[in-house]
Protein backbone atom coordinates (compact mmCIF):
# COMPACT_ATOMS: atom_id res chain seq x y z
CA MET A 1 2.74 -170.56 115.15
CA LYS A 2 -1.04 -170.39 115.27
CA SER A 3 -2.77 -173.19 117.17
CA GLU A 4 -5.93 -174.73 115.80
CA ALA A 5 -8.94 -175.79 117.81
CA VAL A 6 -9.97 -179.41 117.82
CA SER A 7 -13.66 -180.19 118.12
CA LEU A 8 -14.81 -183.65 119.20
CA PRO A 9 -17.57 -185.24 121.24
CA VAL A 10 -16.83 -185.92 124.91
CA ILE A 11 -18.96 -188.35 126.90
CA ALA A 12 -19.32 -187.25 130.51
CA GLY A 13 -20.45 -189.82 133.03
CA VAL A 14 -23.07 -188.52 135.43
CA PRO A 15 -23.52 -190.68 138.54
CA LEU A 16 -27.17 -191.24 139.43
CA ASP A 17 -28.66 -193.44 142.13
CA CYS A 18 -30.80 -196.26 140.75
CA SER A 19 -32.58 -199.17 142.40
CA PHE A 20 -32.68 -202.73 141.04
CA TRP A 21 -34.69 -205.71 142.24
CA LEU A 22 -35.29 -209.31 141.23
CA GLU A 23 -38.73 -210.32 139.99
CA ASP A 24 -40.06 -213.71 138.86
CA ASP A 25 -39.12 -213.13 135.21
CA GLY A 26 -35.92 -211.07 135.54
CA TRP A 27 -34.54 -207.87 137.00
CA SER A 28 -36.18 -204.45 137.09
CA GLY A 29 -34.56 -201.09 137.70
CA VAL A 30 -35.65 -197.52 138.24
CA CYS A 31 -33.98 -194.14 138.37
CA GLU A 32 -36.67 -192.23 140.24
CA ARG A 33 -34.99 -188.85 139.80
CA LEU A 34 -35.45 -189.03 136.00
CA SER A 35 -38.45 -191.41 135.89
CA VAL A 36 -36.55 -194.06 133.91
CA ILE A 37 -37.59 -197.73 134.25
CA VAL A 38 -35.83 -200.74 132.70
CA ARG A 39 -35.95 -204.54 132.67
CA GLY A 40 -33.35 -207.21 132.02
CA GLY A 41 -32.95 -210.97 132.10
CA SER A 42 -30.06 -210.63 134.53
CA PHE A 43 -28.78 -207.95 136.87
CA GLU A 44 -26.02 -207.13 134.37
CA ASP A 45 -28.59 -206.76 131.56
CA ALA A 46 -30.77 -204.47 133.68
CA LYS A 47 -27.77 -202.32 134.63
CA LYS A 48 -26.62 -202.12 131.00
CA ASN A 49 -30.17 -201.25 129.91
CA MET A 50 -30.30 -198.53 132.59
CA GLU A 51 -27.03 -197.02 131.38
CA ALA A 52 -28.35 -196.93 127.80
CA ALA A 53 -31.75 -195.55 128.83
CA LEU A 54 -30.16 -192.82 130.95
CA GLN A 55 -27.81 -191.87 128.11
CA ASP A 56 -30.76 -191.64 125.69
CA HIS A 57 -32.83 -189.63 128.19
CA ILE A 58 -30.06 -187.13 128.92
CA GLU A 59 -29.23 -186.69 125.21
CA ARG A 60 -32.92 -186.07 124.40
CA VAL A 61 -33.26 -183.49 127.20
CA LEU A 62 -30.12 -181.69 126.01
CA ARG A 63 -31.29 -181.66 122.37
CA GLU A 64 -34.67 -180.25 123.41
CA HIS A 65 -33.07 -177.63 125.65
CA LEU A 66 -30.49 -176.58 123.07
CA GLY A 67 -33.17 -176.41 120.38
CA ARG A 68 -35.28 -174.06 122.49
CA SER A 69 -32.26 -171.93 123.37
CA SER A 70 -31.33 -171.43 119.71
CA GLN A 71 -34.94 -170.53 118.83
CA ARG A 72 -34.91 -167.75 121.44
CA ILE A 73 -31.65 -166.36 120.08
CA ALA A 74 -32.83 -166.31 116.45
């Protein structure tokens, strides 16, 4: 019996240290290592916004890197 490969996206969580602080009009957060800054009306909003911003940032970096790698191969 021949086995078949299954291809699917896998989301890998990457722990990063971020700082959050309360300001007059809501919460702010920063991930200094990747230069990502977010805001939110509550701490939970700011944390959720940071997770989304980090996901977007990492996906963009990977797309750019993979695009350059394939151009060198071609």
